[in-house]
Amino acid sequence: MSVHLTEEEQLETLKRWWRDYGKLIVIAIVVAVATYFGITEWKKNQQQKAEQASVVYEQLLQAVSVQPGQTLDAEKRSSVNQLANQLKSGGSGLYAHNAALFLARLAVEEGNLEQAATELKWVLDNKPAAATEQVARLRLARVLIANSQLDEAEKLLGNPAEAFKSEYAEVQGDIFSARGDVNAARASYEQALADNDVQQQERSMLLQLKLDDLKLAPAASASAENAQ
């Protein structure tokens, strides 16, 4: 008899526990299941978006591909703009950042420095990867130098990663050169030449040309003074 009562007491305790906590358990289970399926669906959507972006990016690469010495015709430029803006509107990932870099390059080729700066600033404002950020800063600095915004360009240089030291030193030299500070420009170009990869012979030649141009600057100034 006592055993039977004990079982009844246990059953009553279980019923009371279910009345108190049963709804919470059901809600927790529903939330957990909904969360699981929600995350699964979100991952699926993200995967689909990534795959779609990959296809569009491949089309963009084909659109910007031209033979050496050739430039994009009007039809290809229109296609590049459409594809690049499609990638940018779909998010701010690597594909979108690279698309903006392509748009900036086209803008520079068209002489539209303001548009180029806008595209490069968009990249920097949308949390790019470290390497992409370094490239965008470098290119934006060059655009600003071309637009005579030297102070703004210099603010972008900061402390570059090892792989970008030579290019950043070159841009710093361009800023000094534009200001007429020959000695500082020379030091920056020499640093850029020292940091340059020995395999990048074309860059080395360009840097040497910039140094040679600086060597002519004092002589030119002296000739001007003598002429007066």
Protein backbone atom coordinates (compact mmCIF):
# COMPACT_ATOMS: atom_id res chain seq x y z
CA MET A 1 0.00 0.00 0.00
CA SER A 2 2.77 2.44 0.93
CA VAL A 3 4.54 1.64 -2.33
CA HIS A 4 1.36 2.40 -4.29
CA LEU A 5 0.91 5.73 -2.48
CA THR A 6 4.48 6.62 -3.13
CA GLU A 7 3.96 6.06 -6.86
CA GLU A 8 0.85 8.25 -6.74
CA GLU A 9 2.80 10.94 -4.92
CA GLN A 10 5.55 10.75 -7.52
CA LEU A 11 2.99 11.02 -10.32
CA GLU A 12 1.35 14.02 -8.64
CA THR A 13 4.75 15.65 -8.19
CA LEU A 14 5.47 15.10 -11.88
CA LYS A 15 2.12 16.63 -12.84
CA ARG A 16 2.74 19.65 -10.67
CA TRP A 17 6.23 20.04 -12.16
CA TRP A 18 4.80 19.82 -15.68
CA ARG A 19 2.13 22.45 -14.86
CA ASP A 20 4.84 24.76 -13.57
CA TYR A 21 7.53 24.17 -16.20
CA GLY A 22 5.94 22.29 -19.08
CA LYS A 23 5.07 25.38 -21.12
CA LEU A 24 8.56 26.77 -20.67
CA ILE A 25 10.07 23.51 -21.90
CA VAL A 26 7.80 23.45 -24.94
CA ILE A 27 8.66 27.09 -25.71
CA ALA A 28 12.37 26.37 -25.31
CA ILE A 29 12.13 23.41 -27.68
CA VAL A 30 10.20 25.46 -30.25
CA VAL A 31 12.74 28.30 -30.02
CA ALA A 32 15.65 25.86 -30.34
CA VAL A 33 14.13 24.18 -33.38
CA ALA A 34 13.25 27.53 -34.98
CA THR A 35 16.76 28.82 -34.31
CA TYR A 36 18.32 25.72 -35.81
CA PHE A 37 16.25 25.92 -38.98
CA GLY A 38 16.70 29.70 -39.10
CA ILE A 39 20.49 29.41 -38.94
CA THR A 40 20.44 26.59 -41.48
CA GLU A 41 18.34 28.68 -43.87
CA TRP A 42 20.56 31.74 -43.30
CA LYS A 43 23.67 29.69 -44.09
CA LYS A 44 21.97 28.36 -47.19
CA ASN A 45 21.07 31.86 -48.33
CA GLN A 46 24.60 33.10 -47.63
CA GLN A 47 26.03 30.20 -49.63
CA GLN A 48 23.70 30.96 -52.52
CA LYS A 49 24.64 34.65 -52.43
CA ALA A 50 28.34 33.77 -52.37
CA GLU A 51 27.92 31.44 -55.34
CA GLN A 52 25.96 34.08 -57.27
CA ALA A 53 28.57 36.73 -56.42
CA SER A 54 31.30 34.37 -57.61
CA VAL A 55 29.59 33.97 -60.98
CA VAL A 56 29.14 37.74 -61.36
CA TYR A 57 32.76 38.33 -60.36
CA GLU A 58 33.96 35.88 -63.00
CA GLN A 59 31.93 37.81 -65.54
CA LEU A 60 33.51 41.03 -64.29
CA LEU A 61 37.02 39.60 -64.69
CA GLN A 62 36.19 38.62 -68.25
CA ALA A 63 34.79 42.08 -68.94
CA VAL A 64 37.93 43.89 -67.75
CA SER A 65 40.27 41.50 -69.56
CA VAL A 66 41.89 43.10 -72.61
CA GLN A 67 44.95 42.46 -74.69
CA PRO A 68 48.18 44.26 -73.66
CA GLY A 69 48.20 47.83 -74.93
CA GLN A 70 44.43 47.90 -75.48
CA THR A 71 41.73 49.67 -73.44
CA LEU A 72 38.12 48.86 -72.71
CA ASP A 73 35.64 49.98 -75.32
CA ALA A 74 32.38 51.71 -74.41
CA GLU A 75 30.39 48.47 -74.39
CA LYS A 76 32.82 46.73 -72.05
CA ARG A 77 32.99 49.77 -69.77
CA SER A 78 29.22 49.74 -69.49
CA SER A 79 29.30 46.02 -68.68
CA VAL A 80 32.00 46.51 -66.05
CA ASN A 81 30.03 49.28 -64.38
CA GLN A 82 26.87 47.19 -64.32
CA LEU A 83 28.54 44.06 -62.94
CA ALA A 84 30.64 45.95 -60.39
CA ASN A 85 27.67 47.89 -59.04
CA GLN A 86 25.69 44.65 -58.87
CA LEU A 87 28.37 43.17 -56.63
CA LYS A 88 28.52 46.30 -54.48
CA SER A 89 24.75 46.32 -53.99
CA GLY A 90 24.84 42.69 -52.86
CA GLY A 91 27.07 43.31 -49.84
CA SER A 92 30.49 44.45 -48.74
CA GLY A 93 32.58 41.30 -49.04
CA LEU A 94 35.75 40.65 -51.00
CA TYR A 95 33.98 40.54 -54.36
CA ALA A 96 32.31 43.89 -53.69
CA HIS A 97 35.57 45.48 -52.54
CA ASN A 98 37.40 44.27 -55.63
CA ALA A 99 34.54 45.51 -57.81
CA ALA A 100 34.94 48.99 -56.31
CA LEU A 101 38.67 48.84 -57.02
CA PHE A 102 37.90 48.08 -60.66
CA LEU A 103 35.48 51.04 -60.80
CA ALA A 104 38.14 53.29 -59.30
CA ARG A 105 40.63 52.18 -61.94
CA LEU A 106 38.17 52.93 -64.73
CA ALA A 107 37.44 56.33 -63.23
CA VAL A 108 41.16 57.16 -63.18
CA GLU A 109 41.49 56.08 -66.80
CA GLU A 110 38.61 58.42 -67.66
CA GLY A 111 40.23 61.26 -65.72
CA ASN A 112 37.43 61.30 -63.15
CA LEU A 113 39.50 61.57 -59.97
CA GLU A 114 36.54 62.48 -57.77
CA GLN A 115 34.70 59.28 -58.72
CA ALA A 116 37.86 57.24 -58.22
CA ALA A 117 38.27 58.70 -54.73
CA THR A 118 34.61 57.93 -53.95
CA GLU A 119 35.02 54.26 -54.91
CA LEU A 120 38.23 53.86 -52.91
CA LYS A 121 36.72 55.53 -49.86
CA TRP A 122 33.76 53.14 -50.16
CA VAL A 123 36.18 50.23 -49.90
CA LEU A 124 37.83 51.68 -46.80
CA ASP A 125 34.45 52.43 -45.19
CA ASN A 126 33.24 48.83 -45.62
CA LYS A 127 35.74 46.93 -43.49
CA PRO A 128 37.94 45.29 -46.12
CA ALA A 129 40.55 42.62 -45.42
CA ALA A 130 43.93 43.94 -44.32
CA ALA A 131 45.61 43.49 -47.71
CA THR A 132 42.67 45.08 -49.55
CA GLU A 133 42.75 48.01 -47.16
CA GLN A 134 46.45 48.56 -47.83
CA VAL A 135 45.83 48.56 -51.59
CA ALA A 136 42.87 50.92 -51.29
CA ARG A 137 44.84 53.37 -49.11
CA LEU A 138 47.74 53.30 -51.54
CA ARG A 139 45.56 53.95 -54.58
CA LEU A 140 43.51 56.62 -52.85
CA ALA A 141 46.70 58.41 -51.82
CA ARG A 142 47.84 58.43 -55.45
CA VAL A 143 44.48 59.80 -56.59
CA LEU A 144 44.65 62.55 -53.97
CA ILE A 145 48.21 63.45 -55.03
CA ALA A 146 47.04 63.73 -58.62
CA ASN A 147 44.30 66.03 -57.34
CA SER A 148 46.85 68.12 -55.37
CA GLN A 149 45.42 67.02 -52.01
CA LEU A 150 48.81 66.25 -50.50
CA ASP A 151 47.98 66.51 -46.80
CA GLU A 152 44.98 64.18 -47.19
CA ALA A 153 47.13 61.73 -49.14
CA GLU A 154 49.83 61.68 -46.47
CA LYS A 155 47.30 60.85 -43.75
CA LEU A 156 46.52 57.59 -45.52
CA LEU A 157 50.04 56.19 -45.48
CA GLY A 158 50.48 55.27 -41.82
CA ASN A 159 52.48 52.11 -41.07
CA PRO A 160 52.25 49.75 -44.05
CA ALA A 161 52.65 46.00 -43.91
CA GLU A 162 55.99 44.57 -44.97
CA ALA A 163 54.74 43.67 -48.44
CA PHE A 164 53.68 47.27 -49.11
CA LYS A 165 56.62 49.19 -47.65
CA SER A 166 58.27 49.92 -50.99
CA GLU A 167 55.11 51.23 -52.62
CA TYR A 168 54.17 53.33 -49.61
CA ALA A 169 57.68 54.82 -49.50
CA GLU A 170 57.36 55.66 -53.19
CA VAL A 171 54.05 57.45 -52.63
CA GLN A 172 55.60 59.34 -49.71
CA GLY A 173 58.36 60.36 -52.09
CA ASP A 174 55.76 61.55 -54.60
CA ILE A 175 54.22 63.74 -51.90
CA PHE A 176 57.58 65.26 -50.97
CA SER A 177 58.40 65.77 -54.64
CA ALA A 178 55.09 67.54 -55.23
CA ARG A 179 55.90 69.84 -52.29
CA GLY A 180 59.32 70.58 -53.75
CA ASP A 181 61.19 68.90 -50.89
CA VAL A 182 63.87 67.27 -53.03
CA ASN A 183 66.00 65.83 -50.22
CA ALA A 184 63.05 64.18 -48.47
CA ALA A 185 61.74 62.86 -51.78
CA ARG A 186 65.15 61.40 -52.61
CA ALA A 187 65.35 59.65 -49.23
CA SER A 188 61.88 58.14 -49.72
CA TYR A 189 62.63 56.91 -53.23
CA GLU A 190 65.90 55.39 -52.07
CA GLN A 191 64.05 53.62 -49.27
CA ALA A 192 61.46 52.41 -51.75
CA LEU A 193 64.21 51.10 -54.00
CA ALA A 194 65.89 49.33 -51.08
CA ASP A 195 62.60 47.71 -50.01
CA ASN A 196 61.57 46.73 -53.52
CA ASP A 197 61.48 43.06 -54.47
CA VAL A 198 64.50 42.34 -56.66
CA GLN A 199 62.23 40.47 -59.06
CA GLN A 200 60.18 43.61 -59.73
CA GLN A 201 62.70 45.07 -62.16
CA GLU A 202 60.20 47.43 -63.80
CA ARG A 203 59.45 49.09 -60.46
CA SER A 204 63.14 49.38 -59.75
CA MET A 205 63.65 51.10 -63.09
CA LEU A 206 60.75 53.49 -62.40
CA LEU A 207 62.12 54.36 -58.97
CA GLN A 208 65.55 54.96 -60.44
CA LEU A 209 64.02 57.27 -63.03
CA LYS A 210 62.35 59.25 -60.26
CA LEU A 211 65.67 59.52 -58.45
CA ASP A 212 67.40 60.64 -61.64
CA ASP A 213 64.75 63.32 -62.16
CA LEU A 214 65.45 64.63 -58.66
CA LYS A 215 69.16 64.87 -59.41
CA LEU A 216 68.31 67.29 -62.20
CA ALA A 217 66.19 69.48 -59.93
CA PRO A 218 69.03 71.42 -58.19
CA ALA A 219 70.78 72.03 -61.53
CA ALA A 220 67.54 73.32 -63.03
CA SER A 221 67.05 75.65 -60.07
CA ALA A 222 70.61 76.96 -60.37
CA SER A 223 70.13 77.63 -64.10
CA ALA A 224 66.99 79.58 -63.35
CA GLU A 225 68.80 81.69 -60.76
CA ASN A 226 71.66 82.42 -63.19
CA ALA A 227 69.19 83.43 -65.87
CA GLN A 228 67.83 86.08 -63.51
